[in-house]
Amino acid sequence: WLDFVHPDDHEATLAAGRQLVEGRPVAAFENRYRHRDGSWRWLSWNSMPLVERGLMVGAVRDITDLRRMHETLAESEARLRSVVTNSPMGMHLYELGEDGRTLTLIGANPAADRFTGTQTQPLVGLPIEQAFPQLVGTPIPDNYRALARGDVRGVPPTAPKARTGEFTPPGMSSSAW
């Protein structure tokens, strides 16, 4: 049976087998098996030894497509992270809480720190109004909450300044920073 197991997974597969022989269950063990078409398929195993009967029972699930989806998602996230990190436009990243109200700063790109003159890292995890108290009393936090909920109606567009080409968030002058 080991001939069907991917060579890189032999050692881990044998270790899982020893665990079963020792009477200990194996949960969510993943390895690759050769498919009849010659491709490698990722399998996830849950196995339980029935020592008193001299048996081992298990359930296996083909997770090849799931692993591909996770890899594709990871690659997409890496590309997006690179775009945000390397963008010349400052970006603060927020997460909307389950209450639909709490907007928590979860990060920023280097351009945002340059634009605001603020080191964002110590502010990560704070609600927007605590991270940037100068925004209290402006429409910006509510506009960002609306955007986070996908409600773009009523959120004024950001307009470039005529002379400098810099962008000022709606409802805020550049002097507020």
N, C-alpha and C. Protein backbone atom coordinates (compact mmCIF):
# COMPACT_ATOMS: atom_id res chain seq x y z
N TRP A 1 0.80 -1.20 0.00
CA TRP A 1 0.00 0.00 0.00
C TRP A 1 0.85 1.27 0.00
N LEU A 2 2.05 1.18 0.55
CA LEU A 2 2.92 2.36 0.60
C LEU A 2 3.33 2.82 -0.80
N ASP A 3 3.25 1.91 -1.78
CA ASP A 3 3.56 2.29 -3.16
C ASP A 3 2.58 3.33 -3.69
N PHE A 4 1.37 3.39 -3.11
CA PHE A 4 0.36 4.36 -3.55
C PHE A 4 0.51 5.71 -2.87
N VAL A 5 1.34 5.76 -1.82
CA VAL A 5 1.54 6.99 -1.05
C VAL A 5 2.66 7.81 -1.68
N HIS A 6 2.45 9.13 -1.75
CA HIS A 6 3.47 10.03 -2.30
C HIS A 6 4.77 9.84 -1.51
N PRO A 7 5.91 9.77 -2.20
CA PRO A 7 7.19 9.55 -1.50
C PRO A 7 7.47 10.55 -0.38
N ASP A 8 7.06 11.80 -0.56
CA ASP A 8 7.28 12.81 0.49
C ASP A 8 6.44 12.56 1.73
N ASP A 9 5.41 11.70 1.61
CA ASP A 9 4.49 11.45 2.72
C ASP A 9 4.73 10.10 3.39
N HIS A 10 5.71 9.33 2.91
CA HIS A 10 5.96 8.00 3.47
C HIS A 10 6.19 8.04 4.98
N GLU A 11 7.11 8.87 5.42
CA GLU A 11 7.48 8.89 6.84
C GLU A 11 6.29 9.25 7.73
N ALA A 12 5.56 10.30 7.37
CA ALA A 12 4.40 10.70 8.17
C ALA A 12 3.31 9.63 8.15
N THR A 13 3.14 8.97 7.00
CA THR A 13 2.12 7.92 6.90
C THR A 13 2.49 6.74 7.78
N LEU A 14 3.75 6.36 7.77
CA LEU A 14 4.19 5.26 8.63
C LEU A 14 4.04 5.63 10.11
N ALA A 15 4.33 6.87 10.45
CA ALA A 15 4.18 7.33 11.84
C ALA A 15 2.71 7.26 12.28
N ALA A 16 1.80 7.65 11.39
CA ALA A 16 0.36 7.56 11.70
C ALA A 16 -0.05 6.11 11.89
N GLY A 17 0.49 5.23 11.06
CA GLY A 17 0.21 3.80 11.19
C GLY A 17 0.70 3.25 12.52
N ARG A 18 1.89 3.66 12.95
CA ARG A 18 2.42 3.22 14.25
C ARG A 18 1.52 3.69 15.39
N GLN A 19 1.04 4.91 15.25
CA GLN A 19 0.15 5.47 16.27
C GLN A 19 -1.10 4.60 16.42
N LEU A 20 -1.66 4.15 15.30
CA LEU A 20 -2.83 3.28 15.35
C LEU A 20 -2.50 1.92 15.98
N VAL A 21 -1.35 1.37 15.60
CA VAL A 21 -0.93 0.08 16.16
C VAL A 21 -0.75 0.18 17.67
N GLU A 22 -0.32 1.34 18.14
CA GLU A 22 -0.15 1.57 19.58
C GLU A 22 -1.47 1.81 20.29
N GLY A 23 -2.57 1.82 19.53
CA GLY A 23 -3.89 1.99 20.15
C GLY A 23 -4.37 3.42 20.27
N ARG A 24 -3.69 4.34 19.59
CA ARG A 24 -4.09 5.74 19.66
C ARG A 24 -4.77 6.17 18.36
N PRO A 25 -5.87 6.91 18.43
CA PRO A 25 -6.56 7.35 17.21
C PRO A 25 -5.73 8.37 16.44
N VAL A 26 -6.02 8.47 15.17
CA VAL A 26 -5.39 9.45 14.28
C VAL A 26 -6.51 10.33 13.73
N ALA A 27 -6.38 11.64 13.93
CA ALA A 27 -7.42 12.58 13.48
C ALA A 27 -6.84 13.57 12.49
N ALA A 28 -7.59 13.80 11.43
CA ALA A 28 -7.26 14.81 10.41
C ALA A 28 -5.84 14.64 9.86
N PHE A 29 -5.42 13.41 9.66
CA PHE A 29 -4.11 13.14 9.06
C PHE A 29 -4.25 13.30 7.55
N GLU A 30 -3.34 14.06 6.95
CA GLU A 30 -3.39 14.32 5.51
C GLU A 30 -2.17 13.74 4.82
N ASN A 31 -2.42 13.07 3.71
CA ASN A 31 -1.33 12.62 2.85
C ASN A 31 -1.84 12.49 1.42
N ARG A 32 -0.91 12.22 0.51
CA ARG A 32 -1.26 12.11 -0.91
C ARG A 32 -1.20 10.65 -1.34
N TYR A 33 -2.21 10.27 -2.10
CA TYR A 33 -2.27 8.92 -2.67
C TYR A 33 -2.34 9.05 -4.19
N ARG A 34 -1.75 8.07 -4.85
CA ARG A 34 -1.78 8.02 -6.31
C ARG A 34 -3.18 7.59 -6.75
N HIS A 35 -3.79 8.38 -7.62
CA HIS A 35 -5.10 8.07 -8.21
C HIS A 35 -4.90 7.14 -9.39
N ARG A 36 -5.93 6.43 -9.76
CA ARG A 36 -5.79 5.49 -10.89
C ARG A 36 -5.44 6.20 -12.19
N ASP A 37 -5.75 7.51 -12.29
CA ASP A 37 -5.38 8.26 -13.50
C ASP A 37 -3.94 8.75 -13.45
N GLY A 38 -3.23 8.44 -12.35
CA GLY A 38 -1.82 8.81 -12.22
C GLY A 38 -1.59 10.09 -11.45
N SER A 39 -2.63 10.86 -11.19
CA SER A 39 -2.47 12.12 -10.44
C SER A 39 -2.38 11.81 -8.95
N TRP A 40 -1.94 12.82 -8.20
CA TRP A 40 -1.89 12.69 -6.74
C TRP A 40 -3.12 13.36 -6.16
N ARG A 41 -3.77 12.68 -5.24
CA ARG A 41 -4.95 13.19 -4.56
C ARG A 41 -4.63 13.35 -3.08
N TRP A 42 -5.02 14.48 -2.52
CA TRP A 42 -4.86 14.72 -1.09
C TRP A 42 -6.03 14.08 -0.36
N LEU A 43 -5.73 13.30 0.68
CA LEU A 43 -6.73 12.64 1.48
C LEU A 43 -6.59 13.05 2.94
N SER A 44 -7.72 13.16 3.63
CA SER A 44 -7.73 13.44 5.06
C SER A 44 -8.35 12.24 5.75
N TRP A 45 -7.61 11.70 6.72
CA TRP A 45 -7.98 10.46 7.41
C TRP A 45 -8.34 10.73 8.86
N ASN A 46 -9.39 10.04 9.32
CA ASN A 46 -9.70 9.94 10.74
C ASN A 46 -9.82 8.45 11.01
N SER A 47 -8.96 7.94 11.86
CA SER A 47 -8.90 6.50 12.11
C SER A 47 -8.89 6.22 13.60
N MET A 48 -9.50 5.09 13.96
CA MET A 48 -9.60 4.69 15.35
C MET A 48 -9.28 3.20 15.46
N PRO A 49 -8.33 2.86 16.32
CA PRO A 49 -8.06 1.43 16.52
C PRO A 49 -9.12 0.82 17.45
N LEU A 50 -9.58 -0.37 17.11
CA LEU A 50 -10.45 -1.14 17.99
C LEU A 50 -9.61 -2.31 18.47
N VAL A 51 -8.77 -2.02 19.44
CA VAL A 51 -7.73 -2.95 19.91
C VAL A 51 -8.35 -4.28 20.33
N GLU A 52 -9.44 -4.24 21.10
CA GLU A 52 -10.05 -5.48 21.61
C GLU A 52 -10.56 -6.39 20.49
N ARG A 53 -10.81 -5.84 19.33
CA ARG A 53 -11.28 -6.63 18.18
C ARG A 53 -10.18 -6.87 17.16
N GLY A 54 -9.03 -6.23 17.36
CA GLY A 54 -7.95 -6.36 16.40
C GLY A 54 -8.25 -5.68 15.07
N LEU A 55 -9.02 -4.59 15.14
CA LEU A 55 -9.43 -3.87 13.92
C LEU A 55 -9.03 -2.40 14.00
N MET A 56 -9.02 -1.80 12.85
CA MET A 56 -8.88 -0.36 12.74
C MET A 56 -10.00 0.11 11.83
N VAL A 57 -10.71 1.15 12.22
CA VAL A 57 -11.76 1.72 11.39
C VAL A 57 -11.36 3.15 11.07
N GLY A 58 -11.83 3.60 9.94
CA GLY A 58 -11.48 4.96 9.57
C GLY A 58 -12.40 5.50 8.52
N ALA A 59 -12.33 6.79 8.38
CA ALA A 59 -13.05 7.50 7.33
C ALA A 59 -12.03 8.37 6.61
N VAL A 60 -12.15 8.40 5.31
CA VAL A 60 -11.22 9.19 4.51
C VAL A 60 -12.03 10.10 3.60
N ARG A 61 -11.48 11.26 3.37
CA ARG A 61 -12.15 12.25 2.53
C ARG A 61 -11.13 12.82 1.56
N ASP A 62 -11.51 12.92 0.30
CA ASP A 62 -10.65 13.53 -0.71
C ASP A 62 -10.74 15.05 -0.55
N ILE A 63 -9.63 15.66 -0.20
CA ILE A 63 -9.60 17.11 0.04
C ILE A 63 -8.76 17.84 -1.01
N THR A 64 -8.51 17.18 -2.14
CA THR A 64 -7.67 17.78 -3.18
C THR A 64 -8.22 19.13 -3.62
N ASP A 65 -9.50 19.19 -3.93
CA ASP A 65 -10.09 20.46 -4.39
C ASP A 65 -10.07 21.52 -3.30
N LEU A 66 -10.31 21.10 -2.06
CA LEU A 66 -10.27 22.03 -0.94
C LEU A 66 -8.87 22.62 -0.78
N ARG A 67 -7.85 21.78 -0.89
CA ARG A 67 -6.47 22.27 -0.78
C ARG A 67 -6.15 23.23 -1.92
N ARG A 68 -6.62 22.92 -3.13
CA ARG A 68 -6.39 23.83 -4.26
C ARG A 68 -7.05 25.19 -4.00
N MET A 69 -8.27 25.16 -3.46
CA MET A 69 -8.96 26.41 -3.16
C MET A 69 -8.19 27.21 -2.12
N HIS A 70 -7.66 26.53 -1.09
CA HIS A 70 -6.87 27.22 -0.07
C HIS A 70 -5.60 27.81 -0.67
N GLU A 71 -4.94 27.06 -1.55
CA GLU A 71 -3.73 27.57 -2.20
C GLU A 71 -4.05 28.77 -3.08
N THR A 72 -5.14 28.69 -3.83
CA THR A 72 -5.55 29.80 -4.70
C THR A 72 -5.87 31.03 -3.86
N LEU A 73 -6.58 30.83 -2.76
CA LEU A 73 -6.90 31.94 -1.87
C LEU A 73 -5.63 32.55 -1.28
N ALA A 74 -4.70 31.72 -0.85
CA ALA A 74 -3.45 32.22 -0.28
C ALA A 74 -2.66 33.03 -1.31
N GLU A 75 -2.64 32.55 -2.56
CA GLU A 75 -1.94 33.28 -3.62
C GLU A 75 -2.62 34.62 -3.88
N SER A 76 -3.94 34.62 -3.90
CA SER A 76 -4.69 35.86 -4.12
C SER A 76 -4.46 36.84 -2.98
N GLU A 77 -4.46 36.35 -1.75
CA GLU A 77 -4.20 37.22 -0.60
C GLU A 77 -2.79 37.79 -0.66
N ALA A 78 -1.83 36.99 -1.10
CA ALA A 78 -0.45 37.48 -1.21
C ALA A 78 -0.35 38.58 -2.26
N ARG A 79 -1.05 38.39 -3.38
CA ARG A 79 -1.04 39.43 -4.43
C ARG A 79 -1.67 40.72 -3.91
N LEU A 80 -2.82 40.59 -3.25
CA LEU A 80 -3.49 41.77 -2.71
C LEU A 80 -2.62 42.45 -1.66
N ARG A 81 -2.01 41.67 -0.79
CA ARG A 81 -1.12 42.23 0.24
C ARG A 81 0.02 43.02 -0.42
N SER A 82 0.57 42.47 -1.49
CA SER A 82 1.66 43.14 -2.21
C SER A 82 1.19 44.46 -2.81
N VAL A 83 -0.01 44.46 -3.41
CA VAL A 83 -0.56 45.68 -4.01
C VAL A 83 -0.76 46.74 -2.93
N VAL A 84 -1.36 46.36 -1.81
CA VAL A 84 -1.61 47.32 -0.74
C VAL A 84 -0.29 47.83 -0.17
N THR A 85 0.62 46.94 0.12
CA THR A 85 1.90 47.33 0.72
C THR A 85 2.69 48.26 -0.18
N ASN A 86 2.67 47.99 -1.48
CA ASN A 86 3.50 48.76 -2.41
C ASN A 86 2.78 49.94 -3.06
N SER A 87 1.52 50.14 -2.73
CA SER A 87 0.77 51.24 -3.31
C SER A 87 1.30 52.58 -2.83
N PRO A 88 1.39 53.56 -3.72
CA PRO A 88 1.80 54.89 -3.29
C PRO A 88 0.66 55.62 -2.57
N MET A 89 -0.56 55.10 -2.65
CA MET A 89 -1.70 55.71 -1.98
C MET A 89 -1.83 55.13 -0.57
N GLY A 90 -1.95 56.00 0.39
CA GLY A 90 -2.08 55.56 1.77
C GLY A 90 -3.37 54.81 2.01
N MET A 91 -3.29 53.69 2.71
CA MET A 91 -4.48 52.89 3.01
C MET A 91 -4.45 52.43 4.46
N HIS A 92 -5.51 52.76 5.18
CA HIS A 92 -5.75 52.18 6.50
C HIS A 92 -6.74 51.06 6.30
N LEU A 93 -6.52 49.95 6.98
CA LEU A 93 -7.39 48.79 6.86
C LEU A 93 -8.18 48.62 8.15
N TYR A 94 -9.48 48.43 8.00
CA TYR A 94 -10.37 48.32 9.15
C TYR A 94 -11.19 47.05 9.06
N GLU A 95 -11.68 46.62 10.23
CA GLU A 95 -12.58 45.49 10.30
C GLU A 95 -13.82 45.94 11.05
N LEU A 96 -14.98 45.68 10.46
CA LEU A 96 -16.23 46.05 11.09
C LEU A 96 -16.64 44.95 12.05
N GLY A 97 -16.92 45.32 13.30
CA GLY A 97 -17.30 44.34 14.31
C GLY A 97 -18.67 43.75 14.05
N GLU A 98 -18.95 42.66 14.73
CA GLU A 98 -20.25 42.00 14.58
C GLU A 98 -21.40 42.90 14.97
N ASP A 99 -21.12 43.89 15.82
CA ASP A 99 -22.19 44.80 16.24
C ASP A 99 -22.55 45.79 15.13
N GLY A 100 -21.79 45.78 14.02
CA GLY A 100 -22.05 46.68 12.91
C GLY A 100 -21.65 48.12 13.18
N ARG A 101 -21.03 48.35 14.30
CA ARG A 101 -20.67 49.71 14.70
C ARG A 101 -19.17 49.88 14.95
N THR A 102 -18.56 48.91 15.62
CA THR A 102 -17.15 49.03 15.98
C THR A 102 -16.29 48.83 14.74
N LEU A 103 -15.51 49.83 14.41
CA LEU A 103 -14.62 49.80 13.26
C LEU A 103 -13.20 49.79 13.81
N THR A 104 -12.53 48.65 13.72
CA THR A 104 -11.22 48.45 14.33
C THR A 104 -10.12 48.56 13.29
N LEU A 105 -9.09 49.33 13.60
CA LEU A 105 -7.92 49.45 12.73
C LEU A 105 -7.15 48.13 12.77
N ILE A 106 -6.94 47.51 11.61
CA ILE A 106 -6.20 46.25 11.58
C ILE A 106 -4.88 46.37 10.84
N GLY A 107 -4.60 47.54 10.27
CA GLY A 107 -3.31 47.72 9.62
C GLY A 107 -3.30 48.93 8.71
N ALA A 108 -2.15 49.17 8.13
CA ALA A 108 -1.97 50.27 7.19
C ALA A 108 -0.75 49.97 6.34
N ASN A 109 -0.72 50.58 5.18
CA ASN A 109 0.47 50.42 4.36
C ASN A 109 1.46 51.54 4.67
N PRO A 110 2.71 51.40 4.23
CA PRO A 110 3.72 52.43 4.52
C PRO A 110 3.33 53.82 4.02
N ALA A 111 2.63 53.90 2.90
CA ALA A 111 2.25 55.21 2.38
C ALA A 111 1.29 55.92 3.34
N ALA A 112 0.43 55.18 4.02
CA ALA A 112 -0.49 55.79 4.99
C ALA A 112 0.30 56.40 6.14
N ASP A 113 1.31 55.69 6.61
CA ASP A 113 2.14 56.23 7.69
C ASP A 113 2.87 57.50 7.24
N ARG A 114 3.36 57.49 6.01
CA ARG A 114 4.04 58.69 5.49
C ARG A 114 3.05 59.85 5.38
N PHE A 115 1.86 59.59 4.86
CA PHE A 115 0.86 60.63 4.64
C PHE A 115 0.41 61.25 5.96
N THR A 116 0.15 60.40 6.95
CA THR A 116 -0.38 60.91 8.22
C THR A 116 0.71 61.31 9.20
N GLY A 117 1.95 60.87 8.94
CA GLY A 117 3.03 61.13 9.88
C GLY A 117 2.85 60.34 11.17
N THR A 118 2.11 59.26 11.09
CA THR A 118 1.79 58.44 12.26
C THR A 118 2.35 57.05 12.07
N GLN A 119 2.86 56.47 13.14
CA GLN A 119 3.22 55.06 13.12
C GLN A 119 1.97 54.27 13.48
N THR A 120 1.42 53.56 12.52
CA THR A 120 0.13 52.89 12.70
C THR A 120 0.22 51.65 13.58
N GLN A 121 1.34 50.94 13.55
CA GLN A 121 1.43 49.66 14.24
C GLN A 121 0.98 49.72 15.71
N PRO A 122 1.38 50.72 16.49
CA PRO A 122 0.91 50.76 17.88
C PRO A 122 -0.60 51.01 18.02
N LEU A 123 -1.24 51.45 16.95
CA LEU A 123 -2.67 51.76 16.98
C LEU A 123 -3.54 50.57 16.55
N VAL A 124 -2.90 49.55 15.98
CA VAL A 124 -3.65 48.39 15.50
C VAL A 124 -4.42 47.76 16.66
N GLY A 125 -5.67 47.46 16.38
CA GLY A 125 -6.55 46.87 17.39
C GLY A 125 -7.45 47.89 18.07
N LEU A 126 -7.21 49.16 17.82
CA LEU A 126 -8.05 50.21 18.43
C LEU A 126 -9.21 50.57 17.51
N PRO A 127 -10.34 50.97 18.09
CA PRO A 127 -11.42 51.51 17.26
C PRO A 127 -10.94 52.78 16.56
N ILE A 128 -11.52 53.07 15.41
CA ILE A 128 -11.07 54.21 14.59
C ILE A 128 -11.04 55.51 15.39
N GLU A 129 -12.05 55.72 16.25
CA GLU A 129 -12.11 56.99 17.00
C GLU A 129 -11.00 57.09 18.04
N GLN A 130 -10.50 55.96 18.54
CA GLN A 130 -9.38 56.00 19.48
C GLN A 130 -8.05 56.09 18.75
N ALA A 131 -7.96 55.40 17.63
CA ALA A 131 -6.72 55.44 16.86
C ALA A 131 -6.48 56.83 16.27
N PHE A 132 -7.58 57.45 15.82
CA PHE A 132 -7.49 58.77 15.19
C PHE A 132 -8.53 59.70 15.81
N PRO A 133 -8.25 60.23 17.00
CA PRO A 133 -9.24 61.05 17.70
C PRO A 133 -9.65 62.30 16.91
N GLN A 134 -8.81 62.74 15.98
CA GLN A 134 -9.16 63.91 15.18
C GLN A 134 -10.34 63.64 14.26
N LEU A 135 -10.74 62.37 14.11
CA LEU A 135 -11.88 62.02 13.26
C LEU A 135 -13.21 62.10 14.02
N VAL A 136 -13.15 62.17 15.35
CA VAL A 136 -14.39 62.26 16.14
C VAL A 136 -15.11 63.54 15.74
N GLY A 137 -16.39 63.42 15.50
CA GLY A 137 -17.19 64.58 15.10
C GLY A 137 -17.19 64.83 13.60
N THR A 138 -16.42 64.03 12.85
CA THR A 138 -16.46 64.13 11.39
C THR A 138 -17.30 62.97 10.85
N PRO A 139 -17.73 63.05 9.62
CA PRO A 139 -18.52 61.94 9.06
C PRO A 139 -17.68 60.73 8.64
N ILE A 140 -16.38 60.84 8.74
CA ILE A 140 -15.51 59.77 8.22
C ILE A 140 -15.77 58.41 8.86
N PRO A 141 -15.79 58.28 10.19
CA PRO A 141 -16.05 56.94 10.75
C PRO A 141 -17.36 56.32 10.27
N ASP A 142 -18.42 57.13 10.22
CA ASP A 142 -19.71 56.59 9.74
C ASP A 142 -19.65 56.25 8.26
N ASN A 143 -18.96 57.05 7.47
CA ASN A 143 -18.81 56.74 6.04
C ASN A 143 -18.06 55.41 5.87
N TYR A 144 -17.00 55.22 6.63
CA TYR A 144 -16.23 53.97 6.53
C TYR A 144 -17.05 52.77 6.99
N ARG A 145 -17.88 52.97 8.03
CA ARG A 145 -18.76 51.88 8.47
C ARG A 145 -19.73 51.50 7.35
N ALA A 146 -20.30 52.51 6.71
CA ALA A 146 -21.24 52.26 5.61
C ALA A 146 -20.54 51.50 4.49
N LEU A 147 -19.34 51.91 4.15
CA LEU A 147 -18.58 51.22 3.11
C LEU A 147 -18.29 49.78 3.50
N ALA A 148 -17.94 49.55 4.78
CA ALA A 148 -17.65 48.20 5.26
C ALA A 148 -18.88 47.31 5.17
N ARG A 149 -20.07 47.90 5.31
CA ARG A 149 -21.31 47.14 5.18
C ARG A 149 -21.73 47.00 3.72
N GLY A 150 -21.00 47.65 2.82
CA GLY A 150 -21.34 47.58 1.41
C GLY A 150 -22.36 48.61 0.98
N ASP A 151 -22.65 49.55 1.86
CA ASP A 151 -23.63 50.59 1.56
C ASP A 151 -22.90 51.84 1.09
N VAL A 152 -22.83 52.03 -0.22
CA VAL A 152 -22.10 53.18 -0.76
C VAL A 152 -23.02 54.36 -1.02
N ARG A 153 -24.34 54.16 -0.86
CA ARG A 153 -25.28 55.27 -1.05
C ARG A 153 -25.06 56.30 0.04
N GLY A 154 -25.01 57.52 -0.31
CA GLY A 154 -24.87 58.57 0.68
C GLY A 154 -23.45 58.83 1.12
N VAL A 155 -22.49 58.04 0.65
CA VAL A 155 -21.09 58.28 1.00
C VAL A 155 -20.51 59.17 -0.10
N PRO A 156 -20.12 60.40 0.26
CA PRO A 156 -19.61 61.30 -0.78
C PRO A 156 -18.30 60.80 -1.36
N PRO A 157 -18.10 61.00 -2.65
CA PRO A 157 -16.83 60.57 -3.25
C PRO A 157 -15.69 61.44 -2.79
N THR A 158 -14.49 60.87 -2.81
CA THR A 158 -13.29 61.62 -2.49
C THR A 158 -12.91 62.42 -3.73
N ALA A 159 -12.59 63.68 -3.54
CA ALA A 159 -12.26 64.54 -4.68
C ALA A 159 -10.80 64.99 -4.58
N PRO A 160 -10.08 65.00 -5.71
CA PRO A 160 -8.69 65.48 -5.66
C PRO A 160 -8.65 66.98 -5.46
N LYS A 161 -7.62 67.44 -4.78
CA LYS A 161 -7.39 68.88 -4.67
C LYS A 161 -6.92 69.38 -6.02
N ALA A 162 -7.36 70.53 -6.39
CA ALA A 162 -7.04 71.07 -7.71
C ALA A 162 -5.55 71.32 -7.89
N ARG A 163 -4.87 71.87 -6.87
CA ARG A 163 -3.49 72.27 -7.07
C ARG A 163 -2.50 71.14 -6.89
N THR A 164 -2.68 70.28 -5.88
CA THR A 164 -1.63 69.33 -5.54
C THR A 164 -1.88 67.92 -6.04
N GLY A 165 -3.14 67.60 -6.34
CA GLY A 165 -3.44 66.24 -6.75
C GLY A 165 -3.56 65.28 -5.57
N GLU A 166 -3.37 65.78 -4.34
CA GLU A 166 -3.53 64.93 -3.17
C GLU A 166 -5.01 64.66 -2.94
N PHE A 167 -5.29 63.58 -2.25
CA PHE A 167 -6.67 63.25 -1.96
C PHE A 167 -6.96 63.55 -0.50
N THR A 168 -8.10 64.13 -0.27
CA THR A 168 -8.55 64.41 1.08
C THR A 168 -9.79 63.58 1.33
N PRO A 169 -9.83 62.81 2.42
CA PRO A 169 -11.03 62.04 2.70
C PRO A 169 -12.24 62.93 2.81
N PRO A 170 -13.43 62.45 2.40
CA PRO A 170 -14.63 63.27 2.46
C PRO A 170 -14.90 63.73 3.88
N GLY A 171 -15.29 64.97 4.02
CA GLY A 171 -15.63 65.50 5.34
C GLY A 171 -14.43 65.88 6.17
N MET A 172 -13.25 65.96 5.56
CA MET A 172 -12.05 66.24 6.33
C MET A 172 -11.09 67.09 5.53
N SER A 173 -10.50 68.08 6.14
CA SER A 173 -9.50 68.87 5.44
C SER A 173 -8.14 68.24 5.70
N SER A 174 -7.19 68.50 4.83
CA SER A 174 -5.86 67.93 5.02
C SER A 174 -5.22 68.45 6.29
N SER A 175 -5.68 69.59 6.82
CA SER A 175 -5.10 70.12 8.05
C SER A 175 -5.52 69.29 9.28
N ALA A 176 -6.57 68.45 9.13
CA ALA A 176 -7.00 67.63 10.26
C ALA A 176 -5.97 66.58 10.60
N TRP A 177 -5.12 66.24 9.68
CA TRP A 177 -4.07 65.25 9.95
C TRP A 177 -2.92 65.96 10.63
